[in-house]
C-alpha cells in the first residue's frame, strides 16, 4: 500500500499537485493538518481517500479531530498535527503516546521539518512541508509511506 503523507500545506498546493501528477496513484492520502481544505482538494482532484487531522491553523474546522488512530494492513497508525505534544521540543511525547496506543507508526507535522526515526520498533515520521520548509536544509518535502510485509517511510523532496 502506497500512502502520501503531507502536512503544513497552508493553502499552497499547486507545486504539490504538479508533483503528484508525476508520481502515480496513491492508495490513501494522510494530511496532518494546517490546512484541511488542501486535503479536501487533493482528495477530490486525485480521487483518493483521505484521512486528515486538525492542526493549530485549522481552528475553525471543529468537524475534524486533532488526533486519529487508523489501522492499515494490520499496522496501527497514530496521526496528529503535533502541536499538542510539544513536538518543537522533541518527539518523546509522541513516542509515549504511541506506546499508550500500542501504535506501530506515528505521523505528525507542525515543525515543517522532515524526519523519519525508529524508536523501539515504532516509526515516527514528519513529512516536513511541501510549501514552507524550515530547518537546516529548507527543502520542500512530502512523505511516502509504503506498508507491505515491511513498513518503509521516506522523505521526498519536491
Protein backbone atom coordinates (compact mmCIF):
# COMPACT_ATOMS: atom_id res chain seq x y z
CA UNK A 1 0.00 0.00 0.00
CA UNK A 2 1.37 3.39 -1.05
CA UNK A 3 0.38 6.34 1.14
CA UNK A 4 1.08 10.02 0.55
CA UNK A 5 1.81 11.85 3.80
CA UNK A 6 1.68 15.66 3.78
CA UNK A 7 1.41 18.37 6.37
CA UNK A 8 1.51 22.13 6.67
CA UNK A 9 0.44 22.96 3.11
CA UNK A 10 -1.08 26.26 4.26
CA UNK A 11 -3.18 26.81 1.13
CA UNK A 12 -0.34 26.48 -1.38
CA UNK A 13 -0.72 23.17 -3.22
CA UNK A 14 -0.02 23.91 -6.91
CA UNK A 15 3.53 22.52 -6.84
CA UNK A 16 2.33 19.52 -4.86
CA UNK A 17 -0.40 18.85 -7.44
CA UNK A 18 2.14 19.00 -10.28
CA UNK A 19 4.39 16.54 -8.48
CA UNK A 20 1.54 14.19 -7.59
CA UNK A 21 0.58 14.02 -11.27
CA UNK A 22 4.05 12.58 -11.99
CA UNK A 23 4.18 10.18 -9.03
CA UNK A 24 1.41 7.81 -9.98
CA UNK A 25 -1.51 6.62 -7.90
CA UNK A 26 -1.57 6.59 -4.13
CA UNK A 27 -3.91 4.38 -2.12
CA UNK A 28 -4.53 6.89 0.68
CA UNK A 29 -3.70 10.50 1.50
CA UNK A 30 -2.83 11.35 5.09
CA UNK A 31 -2.87 15.11 5.70
CA UNK A 32 -1.53 16.04 9.11
CA UNK A 33 -3.13 19.43 9.48
CA UNK A 34 -2.64 23.06 8.76
CA UNK A 35 -4.96 23.47 6.01
CA UNK A 36 -7.61 20.81 5.89
CA UNK A 37 -9.10 22.47 2.80
CA UNK A 38 -5.97 21.43 0.88
CA UNK A 39 -6.55 17.81 1.86
CA UNK A 40 -10.13 18.02 0.62
CA UNK A 41 -8.99 19.49 -2.72
CA UNK A 42 -6.26 16.88 -3.22
CA UNK A 43 -8.66 14.07 -2.37
CA UNK A 44 -11.14 15.34 -4.93
CA UNK A 45 -8.62 16.11 -7.71
CA UNK A 46 -6.91 12.72 -7.46
CA UNK A 47 -9.95 10.68 -6.42
CA UNK A 48 -8.09 9.33 -3.42
CA UNK A 49 -9.43 8.53 0.04
CA UNK A 50 -8.02 10.77 2.73
CA UNK A 51 -7.66 10.91 6.45
CA UNK A 52 -6.83 14.28 7.95
CA UNK A 53 -6.42 15.81 11.37
CA UNK A 54 -6.74 19.38 12.60
CA UNK A 55 -3.67 21.50 13.04
CA UNK A 56 -3.25 24.64 15.10
CA UNK A 57 -4.14 26.64 11.97
CA UNK A 58 -7.39 24.72 11.43
CA UNK A 59 -9.11 26.18 14.49
CA UNK A 60 -12.41 26.72 12.66
CA UNK A 61 -12.58 23.10 11.44
CA UNK A 62 -14.12 21.61 14.56
CA UNK A 63 -15.59 18.85 12.39
CA UNK A 64 -12.16 17.18 12.39
CA UNK A 65 -10.22 15.70 15.32
CA UNK A 66 -6.75 16.69 16.50
CA UNK A 67 -5.75 13.01 16.61
CA UNK A 68 -6.78 9.90 14.70
CA UNK A 69 -5.80 6.27 15.02
CA UNK A 70 -6.25 4.08 11.96
CA UNK A 71 -5.24 0.58 11.01
CA UNK A 72 -3.74 -0.11 7.60
CA UNK A 73 -2.64 -3.61 6.59
CA UNK A 74 -2.53 -4.64 10.24
CA UNK A 75 -0.41 -1.66 11.32
CA UNK A 76 -1.81 0.79 13.84
CA UNK A 77 -1.04 4.38 12.84
CA UNK A 78 -1.39 7.41 15.09
CA UNK A 79 -1.92 10.68 13.17
CA UNK A 80 -1.61 14.09 14.80
CA UNK A 81 -0.52 17.56 13.85
CA UNK A 82 1.78 17.54 16.85
CA UNK A 83 1.25 20.96 18.38
CA UNK A 84 -0.48 19.42 21.41
CA UNK A 85 2.53 17.15 22.04
CA UNK A 86 5.22 19.86 22.23
CA UNK A 87 6.96 18.50 19.11
CA UNK A 88 9.09 21.59 18.67
CA UNK A 89 10.93 20.42 21.79
CA UNK A 90 11.30 16.79 20.68
CA UNK A 91 9.43 13.62 19.76
CA UNK A 92 9.39 11.72 23.05
CA UNK A 93 5.82 12.75 23.91
CA UNK A 94 4.75 11.19 20.60
CA UNK A 95 6.71 8.06 21.42
CA UNK A 96 4.98 7.74 24.80
CA UNK A 97 1.58 8.30 23.19
CA UNK A 98 2.39 5.59 20.64
CA UNK A 99 3.22 3.20 23.49
CA UNK A 100 -0.06 4.09 25.19
CA UNK A 101 -1.98 3.42 21.96
CA UNK A 102 0.09 0.37 21.00
CA UNK A 103 0.78 2.12 17.68
CA UNK A 104 3.30 0.92 15.13
CA UNK A 105 3.69 4.32 13.46
CA UNK A 106 3.32 7.97 14.42
CA UNK A 107 2.77 10.60 11.73
CA UNK A 108 2.96 14.27 12.71
CA UNK A 109 3.61 17.74 11.33
CA UNK A 110 3.74 21.25 12.82
CA UNK A 111 7.52 21.74 12.79
CA UNK A 112 7.80 21.81 8.96
CA UNK A 113 11.00 19.77 9.42
CA UNK A 114 11.12 16.29 7.86
CA UNK A 115 12.18 13.35 9.99
CA UNK A 116 11.92 9.58 9.94
CA UNK A 117 13.10 7.84 13.10
CA UNK A 118 12.57 4.45 14.62
CA UNK A 119 12.48 4.11 18.41
CA UNK A 120 11.99 0.63 19.88
CA UNK A 121 10.27 -0.55 16.71
CA UNK A 122 7.94 2.47 16.43
CA UNK A 123 8.38 4.54 13.27
CA UNK A 124 7.95 8.28 13.87
CA UNK A 125 7.65 10.39 10.73
CA UNK A 126 7.17 14.05 9.91
CA UNK A 127 6.90 14.73 6.15
CA UNK A 128 8.05 18.33 6.53
CA UNK A 129 6.19 20.86 4.40
CA UNK A 130 5.78 20.98 0.62
CA UNK A 131 5.34 24.76 0.78
CA UNK A 132 7.01 26.37 3.80
CA UNK A 133 10.09 24.34 4.80
CA UNK A 134 12.04 25.03 7.95
CA UNK A 135 15.20 23.66 9.44
CA UNK A 136 18.75 23.31 8.17
CA UNK A 137 18.09 22.11 4.59
CA UNK A 138 14.89 24.10 3.89
CA UNK A 139 13.67 21.84 1.09
CA UNK A 140 10.01 21.36 0.15
CA UNK A 141 9.19 17.81 1.19
CA UNK A 142 6.48 15.19 1.45
CA UNK A 143 6.41 11.71 2.91
CA UNK A 144 5.81 8.40 1.18
CA UNK A 145 4.75 5.54 3.39
CA UNK A 146 4.80 2.02 1.99
CA UNK A 147 3.10 -0.67 4.03
CA UNK A 148 3.55 -4.27 3.00
CA UNK A 149 5.49 -7.05 4.68
CA UNK A 150 7.68 -4.26 5.99
CA UNK A 151 6.92 -0.61 6.71
CA UNK A 152 9.04 1.95 4.93
CA UNK A 153 8.79 5.69 5.43
CA UNK A 154 10.80 8.03 3.27
CA UNK A 155 11.04 11.75 2.68
CA UNK A 156 10.86 13.03 -0.88
CA UNK A 157 11.97 16.49 -2.00
CA UNK A 158 9.59 18.11 -4.46
